[in-house]
N, C-alpha and C. Protein backbone atom coordinates (compact mmCIF):
# COMPACT_ATOMS: atom_id res chain seq x y z
N MET A 1 -48.58 66.68 19.69
CA MET A 1 -47.72 67.76 19.28
C MET A 1 -48.52 69.05 19.35
N LEU A 2 -47.89 70.08 19.89
CA LEU A 2 -48.52 71.40 19.93
C LEU A 2 -47.96 72.27 18.81
N LEU A 3 -48.85 72.99 18.15
CA LEU A 3 -48.47 73.94 17.12
C LEU A 3 -49.12 75.27 17.45
N TYR A 4 -48.56 76.35 16.90
CA TYR A 4 -49.01 77.69 17.27
C TYR A 4 -49.26 78.54 16.04
N ARG A 5 -50.25 79.42 16.17
CA ARG A 5 -50.51 80.40 15.12
C ARG A 5 -50.99 81.68 15.76
N ILE A 6 -50.80 82.78 15.07
CA ILE A 6 -51.33 84.07 15.49
C ILE A 6 -52.30 84.52 14.42
N ALA A 7 -53.46 84.97 14.85
CA ALA A 7 -54.50 85.39 13.91
C ALA A 7 -55.29 86.54 14.51
N PRO A 8 -55.93 87.34 13.66
CA PRO A 8 -56.85 88.34 14.20
C PRO A 8 -57.86 87.63 15.11
N THR A 9 -58.13 88.20 16.25
CA THR A 9 -58.99 87.55 17.24
C THR A 9 -60.32 87.10 16.66
N VAL A 10 -60.89 87.91 15.79
CA VAL A 10 -62.19 87.58 15.21
C VAL A 10 -62.15 86.27 14.41
N TYR A 11 -60.97 85.90 13.89
CA TYR A 11 -60.83 84.68 13.09
C TYR A 11 -60.02 83.59 13.79
N ALA A 12 -59.63 83.82 15.01
CA ALA A 12 -58.67 82.93 15.68
C ALA A 12 -59.17 81.49 15.82
N ASP A 13 -60.47 81.30 15.96
CA ASP A 13 -60.97 79.93 16.13
C ASP A 13 -61.39 79.29 14.81
N ASP A 14 -61.13 79.94 13.70
CA ASP A 14 -61.46 79.40 12.38
C ASP A 14 -60.35 78.44 11.95
N LEU A 15 -60.67 77.18 11.87
CA LEU A 15 -59.70 76.17 11.48
C LEU A 15 -60.00 75.60 10.09
N THR A 16 -60.69 76.39 9.27
CA THR A 16 -61.08 75.94 7.94
C THR A 16 -60.11 76.37 6.85
N GLY A 17 -59.12 77.18 7.19
CA GLY A 17 -58.15 77.63 6.20
C GLY A 17 -58.68 78.70 5.27
N THR A 18 -59.72 79.39 5.68
CA THR A 18 -60.37 80.39 4.84
C THR A 18 -59.42 81.50 4.39
N GLY A 19 -58.49 81.90 5.24
CA GLY A 19 -57.57 82.99 4.89
C GLY A 19 -56.83 82.75 3.59
N GLY A 20 -56.49 81.50 3.31
CA GLY A 20 -55.77 81.17 2.08
C GLY A 20 -56.58 81.38 0.82
N LEU A 21 -57.89 81.48 0.97
CA LEU A 21 -58.75 81.73 -0.19
C LEU A 21 -58.56 83.15 -0.72
N TYR A 22 -58.14 84.07 0.16
CA TYR A 22 -58.09 85.49 -0.18
C TYR A 22 -56.69 86.07 -0.31
N ARG A 23 -55.70 85.34 0.19
CA ARG A 23 -54.34 85.89 0.20
C ARG A 23 -53.34 84.77 -0.03
N SER A 24 -52.36 85.04 -0.87
CA SER A 24 -51.33 84.04 -1.12
C SER A 24 -50.26 84.12 -0.04
N GLY A 25 -49.42 83.11 0.01
CA GLY A 25 -48.32 83.07 0.96
C GLY A 25 -47.12 82.41 0.31
N ARG A 26 -46.04 82.30 1.05
CA ARG A 26 -44.83 81.68 0.50
C ARG A 26 -45.11 80.29 -0.05
N TRP A 27 -46.01 79.56 0.61
CA TRP A 27 -46.22 78.16 0.26
C TRP A 27 -47.56 77.88 -0.40
N HIS A 28 -48.32 78.89 -0.78
CA HIS A 28 -49.61 78.61 -1.43
C HIS A 28 -50.05 79.76 -2.32
N ASN A 29 -50.95 79.44 -3.23
CA ASN A 29 -51.57 80.44 -4.10
C ASN A 29 -52.92 80.86 -3.53
N VAL A 30 -53.38 82.03 -3.92
CA VAL A 30 -54.73 82.48 -3.55
C VAL A 30 -55.72 81.39 -3.99
N GLY A 31 -56.71 81.14 -3.16
CA GLY A 31 -57.72 80.15 -3.48
C GLY A 31 -57.48 78.79 -2.85
N THR A 32 -56.42 78.68 -2.05
CA THR A 32 -56.07 77.41 -1.41
C THR A 32 -56.40 77.48 0.08
N ARG A 33 -57.22 76.57 0.54
CA ARG A 33 -57.49 76.48 1.98
C ARG A 33 -56.26 75.88 2.65
N ILE A 34 -55.70 76.64 3.60
CA ILE A 34 -54.48 76.21 4.27
C ILE A 34 -54.34 76.95 5.59
N ILE A 35 -53.71 76.32 6.56
CA ILE A 35 -53.45 76.95 7.85
C ILE A 35 -51.95 76.89 8.10
N TYR A 36 -51.36 78.05 8.34
CA TYR A 36 -49.93 78.14 8.65
C TYR A 36 -49.76 78.10 10.17
N THR A 37 -48.87 77.25 10.64
CA THR A 37 -48.55 77.17 12.07
C THR A 37 -47.04 77.05 12.23
N SER A 38 -46.59 77.18 13.46
CA SER A 38 -45.16 77.05 13.77
C SER A 38 -44.98 76.12 14.96
N GLU A 39 -43.77 75.58 15.06
CA GLU A 39 -43.49 74.64 16.15
C GLU A 39 -43.20 75.33 17.47
N HIS A 40 -42.95 76.63 17.45
CA HIS A 40 -42.66 77.39 18.67
C HIS A 40 -43.44 78.70 18.66
N VAL A 41 -43.82 79.18 19.83
CA VAL A 41 -44.50 80.48 19.94
C VAL A 41 -43.60 81.57 19.38
N SER A 42 -42.33 81.53 19.73
CA SER A 42 -41.41 82.58 19.26
C SER A 42 -41.31 82.60 17.74
N LEU A 43 -41.35 81.44 17.10
CA LEU A 43 -41.29 81.40 15.64
C LEU A 43 -42.57 81.96 15.03
N THR A 44 -43.71 81.64 15.60
CA THR A 44 -44.95 82.20 15.04
C THR A 44 -44.98 83.71 15.21
N MET A 45 -44.39 84.22 16.28
CA MET A 45 -44.29 85.68 16.45
C MET A 45 -43.34 86.27 15.41
N LEU A 46 -42.22 85.62 15.18
CA LEU A 46 -41.27 86.10 14.18
C LEU A 46 -41.89 86.08 12.78
N GLU A 47 -42.59 85.02 12.46
CA GLU A 47 -43.25 84.93 11.15
C GLU A 47 -44.31 86.02 11.00
N THR A 48 -45.04 86.28 12.06
CA THR A 48 -46.06 87.34 12.01
C THR A 48 -45.40 88.69 11.75
N LEU A 49 -44.35 88.99 12.48
CA LEU A 49 -43.65 90.27 12.29
C LEU A 49 -43.11 90.40 10.87
N ALA A 50 -42.61 89.31 10.31
CA ALA A 50 -42.03 89.36 8.97
C ALA A 50 -43.10 89.53 7.88
N ASN A 51 -44.30 89.06 8.14
CA ASN A 51 -45.32 89.03 7.09
C ASN A 51 -46.39 90.10 7.21
N TRP A 52 -46.45 90.83 8.31
CA TRP A 52 -47.43 91.90 8.46
C TRP A 52 -46.70 93.22 8.30
N THR A 53 -47.31 94.17 7.63
CA THR A 53 -46.63 95.44 7.35
C THR A 53 -46.54 96.35 8.57
N SER A 54 -47.41 96.17 9.53
CA SER A 54 -47.35 96.95 10.77
C SER A 54 -47.64 96.02 11.94
N LEU A 55 -47.38 96.50 13.14
CA LEU A 55 -47.65 95.67 14.31
C LEU A 55 -49.14 95.37 14.37
N PRO A 56 -49.49 94.10 14.42
CA PRO A 56 -50.91 93.75 14.46
C PRO A 56 -51.54 94.08 15.81
N GLU A 57 -52.81 94.42 15.77
CA GLU A 57 -53.58 94.69 16.98
C GLU A 57 -54.76 93.73 17.03
N ASP A 58 -55.30 93.55 18.22
CA ASP A 58 -56.44 92.66 18.43
C ASP A 58 -56.21 91.29 17.79
N ILE A 59 -55.12 90.68 18.22
CA ILE A 59 -54.74 89.36 17.72
C ILE A 59 -54.69 88.37 18.86
N SER A 60 -54.72 87.10 18.49
CA SER A 60 -54.68 86.04 19.50
C SER A 60 -53.65 84.99 19.13
N LEU A 61 -53.06 84.42 20.15
CA LEU A 61 -52.19 83.27 20.00
C LEU A 61 -53.06 82.03 20.16
N VAL A 62 -53.01 81.18 19.17
CA VAL A 62 -53.81 79.96 19.18
C VAL A 62 -52.87 78.78 19.35
N THR A 63 -53.11 77.97 20.36
CA THR A 63 -52.34 76.75 20.57
C THR A 63 -53.20 75.59 20.11
N LEU A 64 -52.66 74.81 19.18
CA LEU A 64 -53.39 73.69 18.60
C LEU A 64 -52.74 72.38 19.01
N GLU A 65 -53.56 71.37 19.22
CA GLU A 65 -53.00 70.05 19.49
C GLU A 65 -53.25 69.15 18.29
N ILE A 66 -52.17 68.51 17.87
CA ILE A 66 -52.18 67.57 16.76
C ILE A 66 -51.78 66.22 17.35
N PRO A 67 -52.50 65.14 17.04
CA PRO A 67 -52.08 63.84 17.55
C PRO A 67 -50.67 63.48 17.07
N ASN A 68 -49.92 62.80 17.91
CA ASN A 68 -48.57 62.39 17.53
C ASN A 68 -48.57 61.45 16.32
N SER A 69 -49.70 60.82 16.07
CA SER A 69 -49.82 59.90 14.94
C SER A 69 -50.15 60.61 13.63
N ALA A 70 -50.24 61.92 13.64
CA ALA A 70 -50.62 62.68 12.44
C ALA A 70 -49.64 62.41 11.30
N SER A 71 -50.17 62.34 10.10
CA SER A 71 -49.33 62.13 8.92
C SER A 71 -48.68 63.45 8.52
N VAL A 72 -47.35 63.41 8.35
CA VAL A 72 -46.57 64.62 8.07
C VAL A 72 -45.67 64.38 6.86
N PHE A 73 -45.77 65.27 5.89
CA PHE A 73 -44.86 65.29 4.74
C PHE A 73 -43.77 66.31 5.08
N ALA A 74 -42.54 65.85 5.19
CA ALA A 74 -41.43 66.73 5.58
C ALA A 74 -40.69 67.21 4.34
N VAL A 75 -40.67 68.51 4.15
CA VAL A 75 -39.92 69.12 3.06
C VAL A 75 -38.55 69.51 3.62
N GLU A 76 -37.53 68.87 3.11
CA GLU A 76 -36.17 69.13 3.59
C GLU A 76 -35.57 70.31 2.82
N ARG A 77 -34.83 71.11 3.52
CA ARG A 77 -34.21 72.30 2.93
C ARG A 77 -33.38 71.94 1.69
N ASN A 78 -32.64 70.84 1.75
CA ASN A 78 -31.77 70.48 0.63
C ASN A 78 -32.53 69.97 -0.59
N SER A 79 -33.84 69.75 -0.46
CA SER A 79 -34.65 69.33 -1.61
C SER A 79 -35.29 70.51 -2.33
N LEU A 80 -35.13 71.70 -1.78
CA LEU A 80 -35.76 72.89 -2.34
C LEU A 80 -34.85 73.57 -3.37
N PRO A 81 -35.45 74.33 -4.28
CA PRO A 81 -34.62 75.08 -5.23
C PRO A 81 -33.75 76.10 -4.50
N ASN A 82 -32.66 76.50 -5.13
CA ASN A 82 -31.71 77.43 -4.49
C ASN A 82 -32.34 78.76 -4.11
N ASP A 83 -33.39 79.16 -4.82
CA ASP A 83 -34.03 80.46 -4.57
C ASP A 83 -35.23 80.37 -3.63
N TRP A 84 -35.39 79.28 -2.92
CA TRP A 84 -36.59 79.04 -2.12
C TRP A 84 -36.82 80.11 -1.06
N ASN A 85 -35.75 80.72 -0.57
CA ASN A 85 -35.87 81.67 0.54
C ASN A 85 -35.90 83.14 0.09
N LEU A 86 -36.04 83.38 -1.19
CA LEU A 86 -36.13 84.75 -1.69
C LEU A 86 -37.53 85.31 -1.48
N THR A 87 -37.60 86.64 -1.49
CA THR A 87 -38.89 87.32 -1.41
C THR A 87 -39.00 88.24 -2.60
N PRO A 88 -40.06 88.13 -3.40
CA PRO A 88 -41.17 87.20 -3.24
C PRO A 88 -40.74 85.76 -3.48
N ALA A 89 -41.52 84.85 -2.94
CA ALA A 89 -41.21 83.43 -3.03
C ALA A 89 -41.37 82.93 -4.47
N PRO A 90 -40.54 81.98 -4.87
CA PRO A 90 -40.70 81.41 -6.20
C PRO A 90 -42.00 80.60 -6.29
N PHE A 91 -42.58 80.56 -7.47
CA PHE A 91 -43.84 79.83 -7.67
C PHE A 91 -43.70 78.34 -7.39
N SER A 92 -42.48 77.83 -7.49
CA SER A 92 -42.27 76.40 -7.29
C SER A 92 -42.67 75.94 -5.89
N LEU A 93 -42.61 76.83 -4.90
CA LEU A 93 -43.01 76.44 -3.54
C LEU A 93 -44.51 76.18 -3.47
N ALA A 94 -45.30 77.05 -4.09
CA ALA A 94 -46.75 76.85 -4.12
C ALA A 94 -47.10 75.58 -4.90
N GLU A 95 -46.30 75.26 -5.91
CA GLU A 95 -46.54 74.03 -6.67
C GLU A 95 -46.35 72.80 -5.80
N ILE A 96 -45.34 72.83 -4.93
CA ILE A 96 -45.13 71.72 -3.99
C ILE A 96 -46.36 71.55 -3.11
N THR A 97 -46.87 72.67 -2.61
CA THR A 97 -48.04 72.64 -1.73
C THR A 97 -49.28 72.17 -2.46
N GLU A 98 -49.49 72.66 -3.66
CA GLU A 98 -50.68 72.25 -4.43
C GLU A 98 -50.67 70.74 -4.65
N GLU A 99 -49.51 70.19 -4.96
CA GLU A 99 -49.39 68.75 -5.17
C GLU A 99 -49.68 67.99 -3.87
N TRP A 100 -49.14 68.48 -2.76
CA TRP A 100 -49.37 67.86 -1.44
C TRP A 100 -50.86 67.86 -1.10
N ILE A 101 -51.53 68.98 -1.31
CA ILE A 101 -52.96 69.08 -0.99
C ILE A 101 -53.77 68.17 -1.91
N LYS A 102 -53.43 68.16 -3.18
CA LYS A 102 -54.18 67.37 -4.16
C LYS A 102 -54.11 65.88 -3.83
N LYS A 103 -52.94 65.40 -3.42
CA LYS A 103 -52.77 63.98 -3.11
C LYS A 103 -53.52 63.56 -1.85
N ARG A 104 -53.65 64.46 -0.88
CA ARG A 104 -54.31 64.17 0.40
C ARG A 104 -53.72 62.97 1.14
N GLN A 105 -52.46 62.70 0.89
CA GLN A 105 -51.79 61.59 1.56
C GLN A 105 -51.38 61.97 2.98
N TYR A 106 -50.98 63.24 3.15
CA TYR A 106 -50.50 63.72 4.45
C TYR A 106 -51.35 64.90 4.91
N TRP A 107 -51.62 64.94 6.20
CA TRP A 107 -52.40 66.03 6.78
C TRP A 107 -51.56 67.30 6.94
N LEU A 108 -50.30 67.13 7.39
CA LEU A 108 -49.42 68.27 7.65
C LEU A 108 -48.24 68.26 6.68
N MET A 109 -47.72 69.44 6.43
CA MET A 109 -46.48 69.56 5.66
C MET A 109 -45.52 70.41 6.48
N ARG A 110 -44.39 69.81 6.86
CA ARG A 110 -43.37 70.54 7.62
C ARG A 110 -42.42 71.20 6.62
N VAL A 111 -42.25 72.52 6.79
CA VAL A 111 -41.40 73.29 5.88
C VAL A 111 -40.40 74.10 6.69
N PRO A 112 -39.22 74.35 6.14
CA PRO A 112 -38.24 75.15 6.87
C PRO A 112 -38.65 76.62 6.92
N SER A 113 -38.27 77.27 7.99
CA SER A 113 -38.51 78.71 8.12
C SER A 113 -37.35 79.47 7.48
N ILE A 114 -37.65 80.54 6.74
CA ILE A 114 -36.55 81.35 6.20
C ILE A 114 -36.00 82.29 7.27
N HIS A 115 -36.76 82.49 8.33
CA HIS A 115 -36.36 83.44 9.37
C HIS A 115 -35.58 82.80 10.52
N ALA A 116 -35.78 81.52 10.73
CA ALA A 116 -35.08 80.79 11.78
C ALA A 116 -34.61 79.47 11.17
N PRO A 117 -33.38 79.42 10.69
CA PRO A 117 -32.91 78.31 9.87
C PRO A 117 -33.00 76.91 10.49
N THR A 118 -33.02 76.82 11.80
CA THR A 118 -33.07 75.49 12.42
C THR A 118 -34.48 75.11 12.86
N GLU A 119 -35.46 75.93 12.53
CA GLU A 119 -36.84 75.68 12.97
C GLU A 119 -37.78 75.48 11.79
N SER A 120 -38.97 74.97 12.10
CA SER A 120 -39.92 74.62 11.05
C SER A 120 -41.29 75.21 11.29
N ASN A 121 -41.96 75.44 10.18
CA ASN A 121 -43.38 75.76 10.20
C ASN A 121 -44.13 74.53 9.72
N TYR A 122 -45.37 74.44 10.12
CA TYR A 122 -46.22 73.33 9.68
C TYR A 122 -47.44 73.90 8.99
N LEU A 123 -47.67 73.43 7.77
CA LEU A 123 -48.87 73.80 7.03
C LEU A 123 -49.89 72.70 7.28
N ILE A 124 -51.13 73.09 7.48
CA ILE A 124 -52.20 72.13 7.76
C ILE A 124 -53.19 72.17 6.61
N ASN A 125 -53.51 71.00 6.09
CA ASN A 125 -54.51 70.87 5.04
C ASN A 125 -55.87 70.62 5.71
N PRO A 126 -56.74 71.63 5.75
CA PRO A 126 -58.03 71.46 6.43
C PRO A 126 -59.00 70.57 5.67
N LEU A 127 -58.65 70.17 4.44
CA LEU A 127 -59.51 69.28 3.66
C LEU A 127 -59.14 67.81 3.85
N HIS A 128 -58.09 67.55 4.60
CA HIS A 128 -57.63 66.18 4.83
C HIS A 128 -58.55 65.48 5.83
N PRO A 129 -58.80 64.19 5.67
CA PRO A 129 -59.69 63.46 6.60
C PRO A 129 -59.25 63.51 8.07
N GLU A 130 -57.96 63.63 8.34
CA GLU A 130 -57.47 63.68 9.72
C GLU A 130 -57.79 65.01 10.41
N HIS A 131 -58.23 66.00 9.65
CA HIS A 131 -58.41 67.35 10.20
C HIS A 131 -59.41 67.37 11.36
N LYS A 132 -60.31 66.43 11.40
CA LYS A 132 -61.29 66.38 12.50
C LYS A 132 -60.61 66.10 13.85
N LYS A 133 -59.35 65.68 13.83
CA LYS A 133 -58.61 65.40 15.06
C LYS A 133 -57.93 66.64 15.65
N LEU A 134 -57.98 67.75 14.92
CA LEU A 134 -57.36 68.99 15.37
C LEU A 134 -58.26 69.68 16.38
N TYR A 135 -57.65 70.18 17.45
CA TYR A 135 -58.47 70.99 18.35
C TYR A 135 -57.64 72.09 19.00
N ILE A 136 -58.36 73.11 19.42
CA ILE A 136 -57.74 74.27 20.04
C ILE A 136 -57.54 74.00 21.53
N VAL A 137 -56.30 74.10 21.98
CA VAL A 137 -55.97 73.93 23.39
C VAL A 137 -56.22 75.23 24.13
N SER A 138 -55.77 76.33 23.52
CA SER A 138 -55.99 77.64 24.13
C SER A 138 -56.01 78.71 23.05
N LEU A 139 -56.67 79.78 23.41
CA LEU A 139 -56.79 80.94 22.53
C LEU A 139 -56.70 82.14 23.46
N GLU A 140 -55.62 82.91 23.33
CA GLU A 140 -55.42 84.01 24.26
C GLU A 140 -54.91 85.25 23.53
N PRO A 141 -55.31 86.42 24.00
CA PRO A 141 -54.82 87.66 23.38
C PRO A 141 -53.30 87.74 23.50
N ILE A 142 -52.69 88.34 22.51
CA ILE A 142 -51.24 88.52 22.53
C ILE A 142 -50.93 89.91 21.99
N GLN A 143 -49.89 90.51 22.53
CA GLN A 143 -49.45 91.83 22.07
C GLN A 143 -47.97 91.78 21.76
N PHE A 144 -47.57 92.58 20.80
CA PHE A 144 -46.16 92.70 20.47
C PHE A 144 -45.58 93.94 21.13
N ASP A 145 -44.36 93.84 21.57
CA ASP A 145 -43.64 94.99 22.09
C ASP A 145 -43.44 95.97 20.93
N PRO A 146 -43.82 97.22 21.06
CA PRO A 146 -43.71 98.18 19.96
C PRO A 146 -42.28 98.38 19.45
N ARG A 147 -41.29 98.00 20.25
CA ARG A 147 -39.90 98.14 19.80
C ARG A 147 -39.54 97.16 18.69
N LEU A 148 -40.40 96.18 18.45
CA LEU A 148 -40.08 95.15 17.47
C LEU A 148 -40.28 95.59 16.02
N LYS A 149 -40.95 96.69 15.78
CA LYS A 149 -41.14 97.15 14.39
C LYS A 149 -40.45 98.45 14.16
């Protein structure tokens, strides 16, 4: 399975989840090692646009390969609280993630996107034993059309 992420070029090859230590997200609290990815390039671009205050510069598209045998915890939309898609995100979403990471039963967590209702993002737990199976297929510069912001 291929997954995609966009990151500042200087950090693009960092697969340790360091960014989560310094900044919270919809699905995690500050201090949590985590990697956010998407199932499609277009979705990772949409997520980037939604979460960055200005058009990012000097960024790279990272294509990751995950073995098809990877363990995945699937969070279904109908199992989430009614306010799951609000901004700011409810704390209950980070609680789901903290529990998933603590158990270390699954390497990936598939979560619904609030921006593309039929698509999913995948969170990667870099502390999971399967993480050594992750590798970068490609890392290439990417630019956004200025009309998008």
